[in-house]
Amino acid sequence: MKFPNDDDGDVLYDPHKEGVDLALPRELGFYCYAANLEVAEKIAARTVLLGFDPDIYDDKANLDPATRFSV
């Protein structure tokens, strides 16, 4: 099996070399950071329109406001 010579290829190659069958469907998780709760809620609402079931996570211990909220 051939993989691209970039970060995507690295992500695919690692499980392949461990014997994972990459032809099988799998569930993937994506996340993004939001500057505040209002932005996180807007992102979540848009992802619902695309058929996803988002969660909003508030990392109160995170002192960096740019990465406190994730969707």
C-alpha atoms as a PDB file:
ATOM      1  CA  MET A   1       0.000   0.000   0.000  1.00  0.00           C
ATOM      2  CA  LYS A   2       1.336   3.473  -0.898  1.00  0.00           C
ATOM      3  CA  PHE A   3       0.981   6.492   1.379  1.00  0.00           C
ATOM      4  CA  PRO A   4       1.566  10.184   0.711  1.00  0.00           C
ATOM      5  CA  ASN A   5       4.921  11.516   1.834  1.00  0.00           C
ATOM      6  CA  ASP A   6       3.454  13.993   4.325  1.00  0.00           C
ATOM      7  CA  ASP A   7       1.737  14.182   7.723  1.00  0.00           C
ATOM      8  CA  ASP A   8      -1.394  12.466   6.372  1.00  0.00           C
ATOM      9  CA  GLY A   9       0.704   9.601   5.093  1.00  0.00           C
ATOM     10  CA  ASP A  10       2.372   9.265   8.490  1.00  0.00           C
ATOM     11  CA  VAL A  11      -1.021   9.087  10.214  1.00  0.00           C
ATOM     12  CA  LEU A  12      -2.139   6.342   7.836  1.00  0.00           C
ATOM     13  CA  TYR A  13       1.115   4.392   7.830  1.00  0.00           C
ATOM     14  CA  ASP A  14       1.428   3.951  11.604  1.00  0.00           C
ATOM     15  CA  PRO A  15      -1.749   1.858  12.074  1.00  0.00           C
ATOM     16  CA  HIS A  16      -1.080   0.057   8.779  1.00  0.00           C
ATOM     17  CA  LYS A  17       2.334  -1.169   9.960  1.00  0.00           C
ATOM     18  CA  GLU A  18       0.623  -2.476  13.132  1.00  0.00           C
ATOM     19  CA  GLY A  19      -1.700  -4.594  10.993  1.00  0.00           C
ATOM     20  CA  VAL A  20      -4.830  -2.431  11.119  1.00  0.00           C
ATOM     21  CA  ASP A  21      -7.120  -3.004   8.126  1.00  0.00           C
ATOM     22  CA  LEU A  22      -7.537   0.514   6.735  1.00  0.00           C
ATOM     23  CA  ALA A  23     -10.306  -0.688   4.395  1.00  0.00           C
ATOM     24  CA  LEU A  24     -12.724  -1.029   7.328  1.00  0.00           C
ATOM     25  CA  PRO A  25     -14.968   1.933   8.195  1.00  0.00           C
ATOM     26  CA  ARG A  26     -14.153   3.704  11.462  1.00  0.00           C
ATOM     27  CA  GLU A  27     -15.416   6.585  13.496  1.00  0.00           C
ATOM     28  CA  LEU A  28     -13.189   9.647  13.605  1.00  0.00           C
ATOM     29  CA  GLY A  29     -13.277  12.501  16.051  1.00  0.00           C
ATOM     30  CA  PHE A  30     -12.509  16.076  15.101  1.00  0.00           C
ATOM     31  CA  TYR A  31     -12.311  19.110  17.316  1.00  0.00           C
ATOM     32  CA  CYS A  32     -11.658  22.810  17.058  1.00  0.00           C
ATOM     33  CA  TYR A  33     -10.945  25.504  19.607  1.00  0.00           C
ATOM     34  CA  ALA A  34     -13.226  28.475  20.192  1.00  0.00           C
ATOM     35  CA  ALA A  35     -12.360  31.842  21.699  1.00  0.00           C
ATOM     36  CA  ASN A  36     -15.417  31.825  23.974  1.00  0.00           C
ATOM     37  CA  LEU A  37     -18.644  29.970  24.710  1.00  0.00           C
ATOM     38  CA  GLU A  38     -20.663  32.030  22.227  1.00  0.00           C
ATOM     39  CA  VAL A  39     -18.332  31.071  19.377  1.00  0.00           C
ATOM     40  CA  ALA A  40     -18.301  27.433  20.522  1.00  0.00           C
ATOM     41  CA  GLU A  41     -22.114  27.368  20.430  1.00  0.00           C
ATOM     42  CA  LYS A  42     -22.133  28.834  16.905  1.00  0.00           C
ATOM     43  CA  ILE A  43     -19.640  26.236  15.710  1.00  0.00           C
ATOM     44  CA  ALA A  44     -21.689  23.466  17.327  1.00  0.00           C
ATOM     45  CA  ALA A  45     -24.904  24.733  15.706  1.00  0.00           C
ATOM     46  CA  ARG A  46     -23.289  24.727  12.263  1.00  0.00           C
ATOM     47  CA  THR A  47     -21.955  21.205  12.692  1.00  0.00           C
ATOM     48  CA  VAL A  48     -25.458  19.979  13.589  1.00  0.00           C
ATOM     49  CA  LEU A  49     -26.635  21.284  10.203  1.00  0.00           C
ATOM     50  CA  LEU A  50     -23.954  19.098   8.623  1.00  0.00           C
ATOM     51  CA  GLY A  51     -25.251  15.995  10.398  1.00  0.00           C
ATOM     52  CA  PHE A  52     -22.812  15.821  13.310  1.00  0.00           C
ATOM     53  CA  ASP A  53     -23.530  15.477  17.024  1.00  0.00           C
ATOM     54  CA  PRO A  54     -21.150  17.981  18.646  1.00  0.00           C
ATOM     55  CA  ASP A  55     -20.176  18.406  22.274  1.00  0.00           C
ATOM     56  CA  ILE A  56     -18.807  21.580  23.818  1.00  0.00           C
ATOM     57  CA  TYR A  57     -16.024  21.131  26.341  1.00  0.00           C
ATOM     58  CA  ASP A  58     -15.107  23.931  28.752  1.00  0.00           C
ATOM     59  CA  ASP A  59     -11.608  23.392  30.131  1.00  0.00           C
ATOM     60  CA  LYS A  60     -11.855  25.732  33.116  1.00  0.00           C
ATOM     61  CA  ALA A  61      -8.295  24.881  34.168  1.00  0.00           C
ATOM     62  CA  ASN A  62      -6.954  26.150  30.843  1.00  0.00           C
ATOM     63  CA  LEU A  63      -5.771  29.745  31.330  1.00  0.00           C
ATOM     64  CA  ASP A  64      -5.379  30.386  27.607  1.00  0.00           C
ATOM     65  CA  PRO A  65      -8.688  31.914  26.468  1.00  0.00           C
ATOM     66  CA  ALA A  66      -7.985  31.001  22.839  1.00  0.00           C
ATOM     67  CA  THR A  67      -8.105  27.284  23.672  1.00  0.00           C
ATOM     68  CA  ARG A  68     -10.395  27.081  26.715  1.00  0.00           C
ATOM     69  CA  PHE A  69     -13.439  25.936  24.743  1.00  0.00           C
ATOM     70  CA  SER A  70     -13.406  23.109  22.231  1.00  0.00           C
ATOM     71  CA  VAL A  71     -16.175  21.676  20.069  1.00  0.00           C
END
